[in-house]
Amino acid sequence: MTDEVEAQLAAATSKNLKMDALNALAWELRHRDIKLGLELAQTAFSLSQTEGYQNGLGECLVTQSQIIPADFDLALSQGYQTLAIFEQLDDFAGQSRTLYTLCWAHWFTDNFVKAIGQVYLDQEQP
């Protein structure tokens, strides 16, 4: 899969396509090469902010939340920011990945109640 994403990055003809490819590659690398995955996600974050590309911003934030080693407060903060972006975009796949990320971040902070149910319940509140 990484070869395909690297090819997409090389062939990207617009800034949005480049950000999408950077985010996809960062996501693919999140478990195999944390340092490079984080660098790519941070690059995509900067570009997404500059361009105002909300989907790109959400994708890089969820990836960073998955990669950030041992800073679960930051992972939670970015996760909730990401969830708001994906809700605004009606991106259910992005919301699902973000809820998964929030769940494991709560789990690793020993907040088992939030990990199991509160993340879902937070979505039910007006």
N, C-alpha and C. Protein backbone atom coordinates (compact mmCIF):
# COMPACT_ATOMS: atom_id res chain seq x y z
N MET A 1 0.82 -1.20 0.00
CA MET A 1 0.00 0.00 0.00
C MET A 1 0.86 1.26 0.00
N THR A 2 1.95 1.25 0.72
CA THR A 2 2.80 2.44 0.81
C THR A 2 3.33 2.84 -0.55
N ASP A 3 3.69 1.88 -1.39
CA ASP A 3 4.18 2.21 -2.73
C ASP A 3 3.13 2.96 -3.54
N GLU A 4 1.87 2.53 -3.40
CA GLU A 4 0.78 3.20 -4.11
C GLU A 4 0.63 4.64 -3.63
N VAL A 5 0.71 4.84 -2.32
CA VAL A 5 0.55 6.18 -1.75
C VAL A 5 1.73 7.06 -2.14
N GLU A 6 2.94 6.50 -2.13
CA GLU A 6 4.11 7.26 -2.55
C GLU A 6 3.98 7.68 -4.02
N ALA A 7 3.42 6.79 -4.84
CA ALA A 7 3.20 7.12 -6.25
C ALA A 7 2.16 8.24 -6.38
N GLN A 8 1.12 8.21 -5.55
CA GLN A 8 0.12 9.27 -5.56
C GLN A 8 0.74 10.60 -5.16
N LEU A 9 1.62 10.56 -4.18
CA LEU A 9 2.29 11.79 -3.74
C LEU A 9 3.14 12.36 -4.87
N ALA A 10 3.87 11.51 -5.55
CA ALA A 10 4.72 11.96 -6.65
C ALA A 10 3.89 12.51 -7.81
N ALA A 11 2.69 11.94 -8.01
CA ALA A 11 1.85 12.35 -9.14
C ALA A 11 0.86 13.46 -8.80
N ALA A 12 0.84 13.91 -7.56
CA ALA A 12 -0.13 14.91 -7.13
C ALA A 12 -0.01 16.17 -7.97
N THR A 13 -1.13 16.60 -8.54
CA THR A 13 -1.13 17.77 -9.42
C THR A 13 -1.74 19.01 -8.77
N SER A 14 -2.27 18.84 -7.58
CA SER A 14 -2.83 20.00 -6.86
C SER A 14 -2.40 19.93 -5.41
N LYS A 15 -2.52 21.04 -4.72
CA LYS A 15 -2.15 21.07 -3.30
C LYS A 15 -3.01 20.14 -2.48
N ASN A 16 -4.32 20.08 -2.78
CA ASN A 16 -5.20 19.18 -2.03
C ASN A 16 -4.82 17.73 -2.24
N LEU A 17 -4.50 17.35 -3.48
CA LEU A 17 -4.08 15.97 -3.75
C LEU A 17 -2.77 15.67 -3.04
N LYS A 18 -1.87 16.65 -2.97
CA LYS A 18 -0.60 16.45 -2.27
C LYS A 18 -0.86 16.26 -0.78
N MET A 19 -1.73 17.07 -0.20
CA MET A 19 -2.05 16.92 1.22
C MET A 19 -2.71 15.57 1.48
N ASP A 20 -3.62 15.15 0.60
CA ASP A 20 -4.27 13.85 0.76
C ASP A 20 -3.24 12.72 0.72
N ALA A 21 -2.30 12.82 -0.21
CA ALA A 21 -1.26 11.79 -0.33
C ALA A 21 -0.32 11.80 0.88
N LEU A 22 0.05 12.99 1.35
CA LEU A 22 0.89 13.08 2.55
C LEU A 22 0.19 12.44 3.74
N ASN A 23 -1.10 12.75 3.89
CA ASN A 23 -1.87 12.18 4.99
C ASN A 23 -2.00 10.67 4.87
N ALA A 24 -2.25 10.18 3.68
CA ALA A 24 -2.38 8.74 3.48
C ALA A 24 -1.06 8.02 3.79
N LEU A 25 0.04 8.60 3.36
CA LEU A 25 1.34 7.99 3.63
C LEU A 25 1.66 8.05 5.13
N ALA A 26 1.37 9.17 5.77
CA ALA A 26 1.60 9.29 7.21
C ALA A 26 0.78 8.24 7.97
N TRP A 27 -0.48 8.05 7.54
CA TRP A 27 -1.34 7.05 8.19
C TRP A 27 -0.76 5.66 8.01
N GLU A 28 -0.27 5.36 6.82
CA GLU A 28 0.33 4.04 6.55
C GLU A 28 1.58 3.81 7.40
N LEU A 29 2.32 4.87 7.67
CA LEU A 29 3.58 4.75 8.41
C LEU A 29 3.41 4.83 9.92
N ARG A 30 2.22 5.06 10.42
CA ARG A 30 2.02 5.35 11.84
C ARG A 30 2.52 4.24 12.77
N HIS A 31 2.61 3.01 12.29
CA HIS A 31 3.09 1.91 13.13
C HIS A 31 4.47 1.42 12.71
N ARG A 32 4.87 1.73 11.48
CA ARG A 32 6.14 1.19 10.97
C ARG A 32 7.29 2.18 11.09
N ASP A 33 7.02 3.45 10.90
CA ASP A 33 8.07 4.47 10.96
C ASP A 33 7.45 5.72 11.59
N ILE A 34 7.40 5.71 12.90
CA ILE A 34 6.70 6.77 13.65
C ILE A 34 7.29 8.14 13.34
N LYS A 35 8.61 8.23 13.30
CA LYS A 35 9.25 9.53 13.08
C LYS A 35 8.86 10.11 11.72
N LEU A 36 8.98 9.31 10.66
CA LEU A 36 8.64 9.80 9.33
C LEU A 36 7.14 10.06 9.22
N GLY A 37 6.33 9.18 9.77
CA GLY A 37 4.88 9.38 9.74
C GLY A 37 4.48 10.70 10.40
N LEU A 38 5.09 10.99 11.55
CA LEU A 38 4.80 12.23 12.26
C LEU A 38 5.26 13.44 11.46
N GLU A 39 6.44 13.35 10.85
CA GLU A 39 6.94 14.45 10.02
C GLU A 39 5.99 14.73 8.85
N LEU A 40 5.53 13.68 8.19
CA LEU A 40 4.60 13.86 7.06
C LEU A 40 3.28 14.45 7.53
N ALA A 41 2.78 13.97 8.67
CA ALA A 41 1.52 14.49 9.20
C ALA A 41 1.67 15.97 9.58
N GLN A 42 2.82 16.34 10.13
CA GLN A 42 3.05 17.74 10.49
C GLN A 42 3.17 18.62 9.25
N THR A 43 3.79 18.09 8.21
CA THR A 43 3.87 18.83 6.94
C THR A 43 2.47 19.04 6.37
N ALA A 44 1.67 17.96 6.38
CA ALA A 44 0.30 18.06 5.89
C ALA A 44 -0.51 19.04 6.74
N PHE A 45 -0.26 19.06 8.04
CA PHE A 45 -0.96 19.99 8.94
C PHE A 45 -0.66 21.43 8.55
N SER A 46 0.61 21.74 8.34
CA SER A 46 0.99 23.11 7.96
C SER A 46 0.36 23.52 6.64
N LEU A 47 0.44 22.63 5.65
CA LEU A 47 -0.16 22.92 4.35
C LEU A 47 -1.68 23.08 4.45
N SER A 48 -2.32 22.20 5.22
CA SER A 48 -3.77 22.25 5.37
C SER A 48 -4.22 23.53 6.04
N GLN A 49 -3.48 23.96 7.05
CA GLN A 49 -3.82 25.23 7.70
C GLN A 49 -3.66 26.39 6.74
N THR A 50 -2.55 26.42 6.01
CA THR A 50 -2.29 27.50 5.06
C THR A 50 -3.37 27.56 3.99
N GLU A 51 -3.77 26.40 3.49
CA GLU A 51 -4.75 26.33 2.40
C GLU A 51 -6.19 26.34 2.89
N GLY A 52 -6.41 26.19 4.19
CA GLY A 52 -7.78 26.12 4.71
C GLY A 52 -8.50 24.85 4.28
N TYR A 53 -7.75 23.77 4.11
CA TYR A 53 -8.29 22.50 3.63
C TYR A 53 -8.70 21.65 4.83
N GLN A 54 -9.99 21.68 5.16
CA GLN A 54 -10.50 21.05 6.37
C GLN A 54 -10.32 19.53 6.38
N ASN A 55 -10.57 18.88 5.27
CA ASN A 55 -10.39 17.43 5.24
C ASN A 55 -8.93 17.06 5.50
N GLY A 56 -8.02 17.79 4.89
CA GLY A 56 -6.60 17.55 5.12
C GLY A 56 -6.22 17.78 6.57
N LEU A 57 -6.79 18.81 7.17
CA LEU A 57 -6.53 19.12 8.57
C LEU A 57 -7.01 17.99 9.47
N GLY A 58 -8.22 17.51 9.22
CA GLY A 58 -8.75 16.41 10.02
C GLY A 58 -7.92 15.15 9.89
N GLU A 59 -7.52 14.83 8.66
CA GLU A 59 -6.74 13.62 8.43
C GLU A 59 -5.38 13.67 9.12
N CYS A 60 -4.70 14.81 9.06
CA CYS A 60 -3.39 14.87 9.69
C CYS A 60 -3.50 14.89 11.21
N LEU A 61 -4.56 15.49 11.75
CA LEU A 61 -4.74 15.51 13.20
C LEU A 61 -5.02 14.12 13.75
N VAL A 62 -5.85 13.34 13.06
CA VAL A 62 -6.14 11.99 13.56
C VAL A 62 -4.88 11.13 13.47
N THR A 63 -4.09 11.33 12.44
CA THR A 63 -2.84 10.57 12.33
C THR A 63 -1.88 10.97 13.44
N GLN A 64 -1.74 12.27 13.67
CA GLN A 64 -0.86 12.72 14.75
C GLN A 64 -1.33 12.18 16.09
N SER A 65 -2.62 12.13 16.30
CA SER A 65 -3.16 11.60 17.56
C SER A 65 -2.80 10.13 17.73
N GLN A 66 -2.73 9.39 16.63
CA GLN A 66 -2.33 7.98 16.69
C GLN A 66 -0.83 7.82 16.93
N ILE A 67 -0.04 8.77 16.46
CA ILE A 67 1.42 8.63 16.48
C ILE A 67 2.04 9.19 17.74
N ILE A 68 1.51 10.27 18.28
CA ILE A 68 2.15 10.99 19.38
C ILE A 68 2.50 10.01 20.50
N PRO A 69 3.79 9.83 20.75
CA PRO A 69 4.19 8.87 21.77
C PRO A 69 4.04 9.43 23.18
N ALA A 70 3.21 8.78 23.96
CA ALA A 70 3.06 9.03 25.40
C ALA A 70 2.49 10.39 25.79
N ASP A 71 2.01 11.17 24.86
CA ASP A 71 1.36 12.43 25.22
C ASP A 71 -0.12 12.28 24.95
N PHE A 72 -0.78 11.57 25.84
CA PHE A 72 -2.18 11.24 25.61
C PHE A 72 -3.10 12.45 25.78
N ASP A 73 -2.68 13.42 26.59
CA ASP A 73 -3.49 14.65 26.70
C ASP A 73 -3.54 15.37 25.36
N LEU A 74 -2.40 15.42 24.66
CA LEU A 74 -2.37 16.04 23.34
C LEU A 74 -3.18 15.20 22.35
N ALA A 75 -3.05 13.87 22.44
CA ALA A 75 -3.82 12.99 21.55
C ALA A 75 -5.32 13.21 21.76
N LEU A 76 -5.74 13.36 23.01
CA LEU A 76 -7.16 13.61 23.29
C LEU A 76 -7.59 14.97 22.76
N SER A 77 -6.79 15.98 23.00
CA SER A 77 -7.12 17.33 22.53
C SER A 77 -7.26 17.35 21.02
N GLN A 78 -6.27 16.78 20.33
CA GLN A 78 -6.33 16.74 18.87
C GLN A 78 -7.46 15.85 18.38
N GLY A 79 -7.71 14.77 19.12
CA GLY A 79 -8.80 13.87 18.74
C GLY A 79 -10.15 14.57 18.75
N TYR A 80 -10.43 15.33 19.80
CA TYR A 80 -11.72 16.04 19.86
C TYR A 80 -11.80 17.14 18.80
N GLN A 81 -10.67 17.78 18.52
CA GLN A 81 -10.63 18.78 17.45
C GLN A 81 -10.92 18.11 16.10
N THR A 82 -10.32 16.95 15.91
CA THR A 82 -10.52 16.19 14.67
C THR A 82 -11.97 15.76 14.52
N LEU A 83 -12.56 15.27 15.60
CA LEU A 83 -13.94 14.81 15.56
C LEU A 83 -14.87 15.94 15.11
N ALA A 84 -14.64 17.14 15.61
CA ALA A 84 -15.47 18.28 15.21
C ALA A 84 -15.33 18.56 13.71
N ILE A 85 -14.12 18.44 13.20
CA ILE A 85 -13.90 18.68 11.77
C ILE A 85 -14.64 17.64 10.94
N PHE A 86 -14.48 16.35 11.29
CA PHE A 86 -15.13 15.30 10.52
C PHE A 86 -16.66 15.34 10.65
N GLU A 87 -17.16 15.77 11.80
CA GLU A 87 -18.62 15.94 11.93
C GLU A 87 -19.11 17.03 10.99
N GLN A 88 -18.39 18.13 10.93
CA GLN A 88 -18.76 19.24 10.05
C GLN A 88 -18.74 18.79 8.59
N LEU A 89 -17.82 17.92 8.23
CA LEU A 89 -17.69 17.44 6.86
C LEU A 89 -18.61 16.24 6.56
N ASP A 90 -19.34 15.76 7.57
CA ASP A 90 -20.16 14.54 7.43
C ASP A 90 -19.32 13.37 6.95
N ASP A 91 -18.10 13.28 7.43
CA ASP A 91 -17.17 12.20 7.07
C ASP A 91 -17.25 11.12 8.14
N PHE A 92 -18.06 10.10 7.88
CA PHE A 92 -18.29 9.07 8.88
C PHE A 92 -17.09 8.15 9.06
N ALA A 93 -16.32 7.90 8.01
CA ALA A 93 -15.11 7.09 8.14
C ALA A 93 -14.09 7.84 9.02
N GLY A 94 -13.95 9.13 8.79
CA GLY A 94 -13.05 9.94 9.62
C GLY A 94 -13.51 9.98 11.07
N GLN A 95 -14.82 10.10 11.27
CA GLN A 95 -15.35 10.09 12.64
C GLN A 95 -15.06 8.77 13.32
N SER A 96 -15.19 7.68 12.59
CA SER A 96 -14.95 6.36 13.15
C SER A 96 -13.49 6.20 13.58
N ARG A 97 -12.55 6.59 12.71
CA ARG A 97 -11.13 6.51 13.06
C ARG A 97 -10.82 7.40 14.26
N THR A 98 -11.47 8.55 14.31
CA THR A 98 -11.22 9.48 15.41
C THR A 98 -11.77 8.92 16.73
N LEU A 99 -12.96 8.34 16.69
CA LEU A 99 -13.52 7.74 17.92
C LEU A 99 -12.64 6.60 18.41
N TYR A 100 -12.11 5.81 17.50
CA TYR A 100 -11.18 4.75 17.87
C TYR A 100 -9.95 5.35 18.56
N THR A 101 -9.42 6.42 18.00
CA THR A 101 -8.25 7.09 18.57
C THR A 101 -8.56 7.63 19.95
N LEU A 102 -9.72 8.26 20.10
CA LEU A 102 -10.11 8.78 21.41
C LEU A 102 -10.27 7.65 22.43
N CYS A 103 -10.80 6.54 21.98
CA CYS A 103 -10.99 5.40 22.87
C CYS A 103 -9.66 4.91 23.41
N TRP A 104 -8.68 4.67 22.52
CA TRP A 104 -7.41 4.15 23.03
C TRP A 104 -6.68 5.20 23.86
N ALA A 105 -6.81 6.49 23.54
CA ALA A 105 -6.14 7.53 24.34
C ALA A 105 -6.73 7.57 25.75
N HIS A 106 -8.06 7.46 25.85
CA HIS A 106 -8.69 7.39 27.18
C HIS A 106 -8.25 6.13 27.92
N TRP A 107 -8.17 5.03 27.19
CA TRP A 107 -7.77 3.76 27.80
C TRP A 107 -6.38 3.88 28.41
N PHE A 108 -5.44 4.46 27.67
CA PHE A 108 -4.07 4.56 28.16
C PHE A 108 -3.89 5.62 29.24
N THR A 109 -4.86 6.47 29.43
CA THR A 109 -4.79 7.42 30.55
C THR A 109 -5.52 6.87 31.76
N ASP A 110 -5.84 5.57 31.72
CA ASP A 110 -6.54 4.88 32.81
C ASP A 110 -7.93 5.43 33.06
N ASN A 111 -8.52 6.01 32.05
CA ASN A 111 -9.89 6.50 32.16
C ASN A 111 -10.79 5.50 31.43
N PHE A 112 -10.97 4.34 32.05
CA PHE A 112 -11.67 3.24 31.40
C PHE A 112 -13.13 3.54 31.11
N VAL A 113 -13.80 4.29 31.98
CA VAL A 113 -15.20 4.62 31.75
C VAL A 113 -15.34 5.41 30.46
N LYS A 114 -14.50 6.42 30.27
CA LYS A 114 -14.56 7.20 29.03
C LYS A 114 -14.19 6.34 27.84
N ALA A 115 -13.19 5.48 28.01
CA ALA A 115 -12.75 4.63 26.89
C ALA A 115 -13.88 3.73 26.41
N ILE A 116 -14.64 3.21 27.33
CA ILE A 116 -15.68 2.24 26.96
C ILE A 116 -16.96 2.92 26.49
N GLY A 117 -17.38 3.98 27.15
CA GLY A 117 -18.69 4.50 26.82
C GLY A 117 -18.83 5.98 26.65
N GLN A 118 -18.08 6.77 27.36
CA GLN A 118 -18.34 8.19 27.36
C GLN A 118 -18.03 8.84 26.02
N VAL A 119 -17.05 8.33 25.29
CA VAL A 119 -16.75 8.90 23.98
C VAL A 119 -17.99 8.82 23.11
N TYR A 120 -18.66 7.68 23.14
CA TYR A 120 -19.90 7.53 22.38
C TYR A 120 -20.98 8.43 22.96
N LEU A 121 -21.12 8.46 24.28
CA LEU A 121 -22.17 9.27 24.90
C LEU A 121 -21.96 10.76 24.63
N ASP A 122 -20.70 11.20 24.54
CA ASP A 122 -20.42 12.59 24.23
C ASP A 122 -21.08 13.00 22.90
N GLN A 123 -21.15 12.07 21.98
CA GLN A 123 -21.73 12.36 20.67
C GLN A 123 -23.24 12.46 20.72
N GLU A 124 -23.86 11.88 21.73
CA GLU A 124 -25.30 11.88 21.84
C GLU A 124 -25.85 13.16 22.48
N GLN A 125 -24.99 13.91 23.13
CA GLN A 125 -25.43 15.11 23.82
C GLN A 125 -25.59 16.26 22.82
N PRO A 126 -26.59 17.13 23.04
CA PRO A 126 -26.78 18.26 22.12
C PRO A 126 -25.68 19.28 22.24
